[in-house]
Amino acid sequence: MAATPYTLIENNKRRTFLIFAVFILIFVVFFYALGIMFETPETFIAIGFISSLIGSFTSYFYSDKIVLSMYGAKPADKNKYFDLYTITENLCIAQGLPMPKIYVIKDPSPNAFATGRNPKNSAIAVTTGLLNILDRSDLEGVIAHELSHIKNYDILVATVAAVMASIIAYASEFALRVVFLNKSDDKNNKNNVFLIIFAFLAIILLPIAASLIQLAISRRREFLADSTAVLMTRNPNGLISALEKISSYPRQFPANPETAHLFFHMNLKQTKGFLANLQNLFSTHPPIEERIKNLKNLM
């Protein structure tokens, strides 16, 4: 059966709760290993479970604010960013969507992202660099792309996954410090086996978090958002032009690995052959050439 917007939304909601379950499992196992080292596993399991529930609650209700604060996004003044506001407002009226909050990030690199848990609680952030290099038609294409993510609830699973990955990253760093501090104080070295195992566990958690994002965020959603944006604007040339300008900009936006999938585009160094296939497999975005080719096929 062909996918519909409604099935896509339901799949995104289910995938979000799957991320919560995996996150809780990782945290419980993580703290259990830490508890073995201190010979109180039951206590640490309780700590891990409670911490994961708090993290899940926080990420669901406050993930948008967390991500926006990570990049210093500020509310956009309607008079100063009149085109940005009117473009977003017109598209929302045409699509029957609530008006998202608009933010601006002071950075010369052109990029944008959408965040939030649903269309009623959503936000779009754009960089000053994006506003400087795009004309109104280009900007309309980018905003339509981000509104597509909001409409399809991509923002829910993407933002939650980003915050979860960040929490795991900080927990891993904290655990490594605890392990090595404990190791230096352990004169009898009786826990060396557990220390080594736990150190390896902490080290591999970051790749696990990155893999979680890859599983949760399908690159096909970028193609879908591009196609939906064209349906909104009836102008594929605007989005094509925006992709070309943004991808050719020499400076990469300094996005954290845990949140890179949120952005409109992430530049990749050009490679060929096997390296190119490997890069595409683990990248958060499809190659820019494929996105442009897909858009031209819609013309």
Foldseek 3Di string as FASTA:
>chain_A
DDDDLVNLLVVLVVLQVVLLVVLLVLQLVLQLLVCVLVVRSVVSSVVSNVVSVVLSVCLQAPLVVVVCVVQVWDFDDCVVPVLLQVLQVVLCVVVVFDRATETEGADLAWKKFKAHQARVHIYIYTYVNNVVPADSLLSSLLSLLRVLCRSSRVRNLQSSLLSSLVVLLVVLVVVLVVLVVVCVVPPVCPCVVSSVVSNVSSVCSNVVSLVSNPVSQDQVSLLVSSVSSCVSVVDLPSNLVSLVVNQPDPDFDPDDSSNPLRMNDGHDDDDDDPVVVVCQSSDSHHDSVVSSVSSVVVD
